[in-house]
Amino acid sequence: MEAILQRLREPSTWAGLSVLGAVFGAAPGLVDAIGQAVAGIAATLAIILSERKKSE
């Protein structure tokens, strides 16, 4: 799960998702808006949720 979250933080991932959306018929602006909404939700969760301590 952490690997997926790390990948979603990369701008290239969002650029790739935008291209895929455009290829499959979604408006580029719509794909970008969805990406921004997801990023906003993730940022809000990062503020609200506490970090777990890793066991050694």
PDB file of N, CA and C in Angstrom:
ATOM      1  N   MET A   1       0.823  -1.192   0.000  1.00  0.00           N
ATOM      2  CA  MET A   1       0.000   0.000   0.000  1.00  0.00           C
ATOM      3  C   MET A   1       0.867   1.255   0.000  1.00  0.00           C
ATOM      4  N   GLU A   2       1.962   1.204   0.763  1.00  0.00           N
ATOM      5  CA  GLU A   2       2.870   2.356   0.825  1.00  0.00           C
ATOM      6  C   GLU A   2       3.481   2.636  -0.543  1.00  0.00           C
ATOM      7  N   ALA A   3       3.780   1.579  -1.287  1.00  0.00           N
ATOM      8  CA  ALA A   3       4.365   1.768  -2.621  1.00  0.00           C
ATOM      9  C   ALA A   3       3.376   2.487  -3.543  1.00  0.00           C
ATOM     10  N   ILE A   4       2.109   2.148  -3.436  1.00  0.00           N
ATOM     11  CA  ILE A   4       1.083   2.805  -4.254  1.00  0.00           C
ATOM     12  C   ILE A   4       0.980   4.276  -3.876  1.00  0.00           C
ATOM     13  N   LEU A   5       0.972   4.561  -2.573  1.00  0.00           N
ATOM     14  CA  LEU A   5       0.879   5.950  -2.129  1.00  0.00           C
ATOM     15  C   LEU A   5       2.096   6.754  -2.570  1.00  0.00           C
ATOM     16  N   GLN A   6       3.273   6.142  -2.514  1.00  0.00           N
ATOM     17  CA  GLN A   6       4.472   6.834  -2.973  1.00  0.00           C
ATOM     18  C   GLN A   6       4.388   7.130  -4.463  1.00  0.00           C
ATOM     19  N   ARG A   7       3.882   6.180  -5.213  1.00  0.00           N
ATOM     20  CA  ARG A   7       3.753   6.373  -6.659  1.00  0.00           C
ATOM     21  C   ARG A   7       2.747   7.479  -6.972  1.00  0.00           C
ATOM     22  N   LEU A   8       1.661   7.561  -6.186  1.00  0.00           N
ATOM     23  CA  LEU A   8       0.645   8.583  -6.424  1.00  0.00           C
ATOM     24  C   LEU A   8       1.146   9.987  -6.100  1.00  0.00           C
ATOM     25  N   ARG A   9       2.221  10.096  -5.356  1.00  0.00           N
ATOM     26  CA  ARG A   9       2.793  11.403  -5.026  1.00  0.00           C
ATOM     27  C   ARG A   9       3.655  11.953  -6.163  1.00  0.00           C
ATOM     28  N   GLU A  10       3.945  11.134  -7.140  1.00  0.00           N
ATOM     29  CA  GLU A  10       4.824  11.547  -8.231  1.00  0.00           C
ATOM     30  C   GLU A  10       4.024  12.238  -9.344  1.00  0.00           C
ATOM     31  N   PRO A  11       4.483  13.414  -9.775  1.00  0.00           N
ATOM     32  CA  PRO A  11       3.779  14.123 -10.855  1.00  0.00           C
ATOM     33  C   PRO A  11       3.684  13.310 -12.144  1.00  0.00           C
ATOM     34  N   SER A  12       4.679  12.478 -12.420  1.00  0.00           N
ATOM     35  CA  SER A  12       4.649  11.688 -13.653  1.00  0.00           C
ATOM     36  C   SER A  12       3.491  10.696 -13.650  1.00  0.00           C
ATOM     37  N   THR A  13       3.119  10.228 -12.483  1.00  0.00           N
ATOM     38  CA  THR A  13       1.975   9.315 -12.393  1.00  0.00           C
ATOM     39  C   THR A  13       0.702  10.028 -12.815  1.00  0.00           C
ATOM     40  N   TRP A  14       0.522  11.252 -12.335  1.00  0.00           N
ATOM     41  CA  TRP A  14      -0.680  12.017 -12.692  1.00  0.00           C
ATOM     42  C   TRP A  14      -0.669  12.392 -14.165  1.00  0.00           C
ATOM     43  N   ALA A  15       0.497  12.680 -14.699  1.00  0.00           N
ATOM     44  CA  ALA A  15       0.583  12.980 -16.128  1.00  0.00           C
ATOM     45  C   ALA A  15       0.198  11.755 -16.948  1.00  0.00           C
ATOM     46  N   GLY A  16       0.683  10.587 -16.527  1.00  0.00           N
ATOM     47  CA  GLY A  16       0.336   9.353 -17.228  1.00  0.00           C
ATOM     48  C   GLY A  16      -1.149   9.044 -17.147  1.00  0.00           C
ATOM     49  N   LEU A  17      -1.738   9.260 -15.988  1.00  0.00           N
ATOM     50  CA  LEU A  17      -3.182   9.031 -15.837  1.00  0.00           C
ATOM     51  C   LEU A  17      -3.980  10.001 -16.710  1.00  0.00           C
ATOM     52  N   SER A  18      -3.508  11.238 -16.827  1.00  0.00           N
ATOM     53  CA  SER A  18      -4.179  12.208 -17.689  1.00  0.00           C
ATOM     54  C   SER A  18      -4.142  11.770 -19.145  1.00  0.00           C
ATOM     55  N   VAL A  19      -2.992  11.274 -19.578  1.00  0.00           N
ATOM     56  CA  VAL A  19      -2.865  10.801 -20.961  1.00  0.00           C
ATOM     57  C   VAL A  19      -3.774   9.603 -21.198  1.00  0.00           C
ATOM     58  N   LEU A  20      -3.783   8.655 -20.258  1.00  0.00           N
ATOM     59  CA  LEU A  20      -4.670   7.498 -20.414  1.00  0.00           C
ATOM     60  C   LEU A  20      -6.132   7.922 -20.476  1.00  0.00           C
ATOM     61  N   GLY A  21      -6.500   8.863 -19.638  1.00  0.00           N
ATOM     62  CA  GLY A  21      -7.879   9.353 -19.662  1.00  0.00           C
ATOM     63  C   GLY A  21      -8.224   9.987 -20.995  1.00  0.00           C
ATOM     64  N   ALA A  22      -7.299  10.776 -21.528  1.00  0.00           N
ATOM     65  CA  ALA A  22      -7.532  11.417 -22.824  1.00  0.00           C
ATOM     66  C   ALA A  22      -7.618  10.383 -23.942  1.00  0.00           C
ATOM     67  N   VAL A  23      -6.779   9.354 -23.880  1.00  0.00           N
ATOM     68  CA  VAL A  23      -6.790   8.310 -24.905  1.00  0.00           C
ATOM     69  C   VAL A  23      -8.125   7.569 -24.896  1.00  0.00           C
ATOM     70  N   PHE A  24      -8.668   7.346 -23.719  1.00  0.00           N
ATOM     71  CA  PHE A  24      -9.918   6.597 -23.615  1.00  0.00           C
ATOM     72  C   PHE A  24     -11.151   7.489 -23.636  1.00  0.00           C
ATOM     73  N   GLY A  25     -10.985   8.765 -24.005  1.00  0.00           N
ATOM     74  CA  GLY A  25     -12.135   9.615 -24.284  1.00  0.00           C
ATOM     75  C   GLY A  25     -12.527  10.597 -23.200  1.00  0.00           C
ATOM     76  N   ALA A  26     -11.855  10.612 -22.063  1.00  0.00           N
ATOM     77  CA  ALA A  26     -12.189  11.588 -21.032  1.00  0.00           C
ATOM     78  C   ALA A  26     -11.538  12.924 -21.401  1.00  0.00           C
ATOM     79  N   ALA A  27     -12.224  13.996 -21.079  1.00  0.00           N
ATOM     80  CA  ALA A  27     -11.674  15.323 -21.336  1.00  0.00           C
ATOM     81  C   ALA A  27     -10.448  15.537 -20.441  1.00  0.00           C
ATOM     82  N   PRO A  28      -9.339  16.051 -21.000  1.00  0.00           N
ATOM     83  CA  PRO A  28      -8.134  16.262 -20.182  1.00  0.00           C
ATOM     84  C   PRO A  28      -8.392  17.107 -18.935  1.00  0.00           C
ATOM     85  N   GLY A  29      -9.239  18.102 -19.044  1.00  0.00           N
ATOM     86  CA  GLY A  29      -9.561  18.942 -17.892  1.00  0.00           C
ATOM     87  C   GLY A  29     -10.264  18.160 -16.803  1.00  0.00           C
ATOM     88  N   LEU A  30     -11.105  17.214 -17.199  1.00  0.00           N
ATOM     89  CA  LEU A  30     -11.817  16.385 -16.228  1.00  0.00           C
ATOM     90  C   LEU A  30     -10.854  15.476 -15.484  1.00  0.00           C
ATOM     91  N   VAL A  31      -9.930  14.874 -16.204  1.00  0.00           N
ATOM     92  CA  VAL A  31      -8.940  13.991 -15.574  1.00  0.00           C
ATOM     93  C   VAL A  31      -8.071  14.788 -14.599  1.00  0.00           C
ATOM     94  N   ASP A  32      -7.670  15.989 -14.991  1.00  0.00           N
ATOM     95  CA  ASP A  32      -6.869  16.837 -14.106  1.00  0.00           C
ATOM     96  C   ASP A  32      -7.662  17.242 -12.866  1.00  0.00           C
ATOM     97  N   ALA A  33      -8.942  17.554 -13.038  1.00  0.00           N
ATOM     98  CA  ALA A  33      -9.777  17.942 -11.902  1.00  0.00           C
ATOM     99  C   ALA A  33      -9.930  16.779 -10.922  1.00  0.00           C
ATOM    100  N   ILE A  34     -10.097  15.580 -11.443  1.00  0.00           N
ATOM    101  CA  ILE A  34     -10.207  14.400 -10.582  1.00  0.00           C
ATOM    102  C   ILE A  34      -8.896  14.193  -9.831  1.00  0.00           C
ATOM    103  N   GLY A  35      -7.783  14.345 -10.517  1.00  0.00           N
ATOM    104  CA  GLY A  35      -6.474  14.213  -9.873  1.00  0.00           C
ATOM    105  C   GLY A  35      -6.285  15.225  -8.763  1.00  0.00           C
ATOM    106  N   GLN A  36      -6.716  16.453  -8.995  1.00  0.00           N
ATOM    107  CA  GLN A  36      -6.601  17.481  -7.964  1.00  0.00           C
ATOM    108  C   GLN A  36      -7.505  17.180  -6.776  1.00  0.00           C
ATOM    109  N   ALA A  37      -8.692  16.654  -7.034  1.00  0.00           N
ATOM    110  CA  ALA A  37      -9.598  16.293  -5.944  1.00  0.00           C
ATOM    111  C   ALA A  37      -9.007  15.169  -5.096  1.00  0.00           C
ATOM    112  N   VAL A  38      -8.452  14.170  -5.757  1.00  0.00           N
ATOM    113  CA  VAL A  38      -7.822  13.052  -5.032  1.00  0.00           C
ATOM    114  C   VAL A  38      -6.626  13.553  -4.227  1.00  0.00           C
ATOM    115  N   ALA A  39      -5.833  14.430  -4.811  1.00  0.00           N
ATOM    116  CA  ALA A  39      -4.684  14.987  -4.093  1.00  0.00           C
ATOM    117  C   ALA A  39      -5.141  15.801  -2.892  1.00  0.00           C
ATOM    118  N   GLY A  40      -6.222  16.541  -3.030  1.00  0.00           N
ATOM    119  CA  GLY A  40      -6.755  17.316  -1.917  1.00  0.00           C
ATOM    120  C   GLY A  40      -7.236  16.422  -0.780  1.00  0.00           C
ATOM    121  N   ILE A  41      -7.902  15.334  -1.133  1.00  0.00           N
ATOM    122  CA  ILE A  41      -8.363  14.378  -0.114  1.00  0.00           C
ATOM    123  C   ILE A  41      -7.173  13.739   0.581  1.00  0.00           C
ATOM    124  N   ALA A  42      -6.165  13.349  -0.197  1.00  0.00           N
ATOM    125  CA  ALA A  42      -4.963  12.733   0.386  1.00  0.00           C
ATOM    126  C   ALA A  42      -4.243  13.712   1.314  1.00  0.00           C
ATOM    127  N   ALA A  43      -4.179  14.976   0.923  1.00  0.00           N
ATOM    128  CA  ALA A  43      -3.523  15.978   1.766  1.00  0.00           C
ATOM    129  C   ALA A  43      -4.303  16.178   3.063  1.00  0.00           C
ATOM    130  N   THR A  44      -5.620  16.199   2.967  1.00  0.00           N
ATOM    131  CA  THR A  44      -6.447  16.343   4.167  1.00  0.00           C
ATOM    132  C   THR A  44      -6.254  15.159   5.099  1.00  0.00           C
ATOM    133  N   LEU A  45      -6.219  13.958   4.546  1.00  0.00           N
ATOM    134  CA  LEU A  45      -5.992  12.768   5.371  1.00  0.00           C
ATOM    135  C   LEU A  45      -4.612  12.786   6.006  1.00  0.00           C
ATOM    136  N   ALA A  46      -3.615  13.299   5.275  1.00  0.00           N
ATOM    137  CA  ALA A  46      -2.267  13.377   5.826  1.00  0.00           C
ATOM    138  C   ALA A  46      -2.219  14.319   7.029  1.00  0.00           C
ATOM    139  N   ILE A  47      -3.056  15.331   7.016  1.00  0.00           N
ATOM    140  CA  ILE A  47      -3.110  16.261   8.141  1.00  0.00           C
ATOM    141  C   ILE A  47      -3.859  15.644   9.318  1.00  0.00           C
ATOM    142  N   ILE A  48      -4.945  14.956   9.038  1.00  0.00           N
ATOM    143  CA  ILE A  48      -5.828  14.440  10.090  1.00  0.00           C
ATOM    144  C   ILE A  48      -5.287  13.174  10.753  1.00  0.00           C
ATOM    145  N   LEU A  49      -4.810  12.242   9.959  1.00  0.00           N
ATOM    146  CA  LEU A  49      -4.397  10.947  10.487  1.00  0.00           C
ATOM    147  C   LEU A  49      -3.023  11.026  11.138  1.00  0.00           C
ATOM    148  N   SER A  50      -2.879  10.303  12.234  1.00  0.00           N
ATOM    149  CA  SER A  50      -1.573  10.269  12.891  1.00  0.00           C
ATOM    150  C   SER A  50      -0.695   9.217  12.228  1.00  0.00           C
ATOM    151  N   GLU A  51       0.603   9.408  12.363  1.00  0.00           N
ATOM    152  CA  GLU A  51       1.541   8.445  11.793  1.00  0.00           C
ATOM    153  C   GLU A  51       1.707   7.268  12.740  1.00  0.00           C
ATOM    154  N   ARG A  52       1.855   6.112  12.173  1.00  0.00           N
ATOM    155  CA  ARG A  52       2.096   4.909  12.979  1.00  0.00           C
ATOM    156  C   ARG A  52       3.579   4.782  13.228  1.00  0.00           C
ATOM    157  N   LYS A  53       3.925   4.375  14.425  1.00  0.00           N
ATOM    158  CA  LYS A  53       5.335   4.141  14.738  1.00  0.00           C
ATOM    159  C   LYS A  53       5.719   2.774  14.193  1.00  0.00           C
ATOM    160  N   LYS A  54       6.859   2.704  13.529  1.00  0.00           N
ATOM    161  CA  LYS A  54       7.342   1.430  13.008  1.00  0.00           C
ATOM    162  C   LYS A  54       7.982   0.642  14.131  1.00  0.00           C
ATOM    163  N   SER A  55       7.638  -0.634  14.194  1.00  0.00           N
ATOM    164  CA  SER A  55       8.270  -1.475  15.207  1.00  0.00           C
ATOM    165  C   SER A  55       9.649  -1.907  14.715  1.00  0.00           C
ATOM    166  N   GLU A  56      10.586  -1.949  15.615  1.00  0.00           N
ATOM    167  CA  GLU A  56      11.964  -2.270  15.225  1.00  0.00           C
ATOM    168  C   GLU A  56      12.250  -3.721  15.449  1.00  0.00           C
TER     169      GLU A  56
END
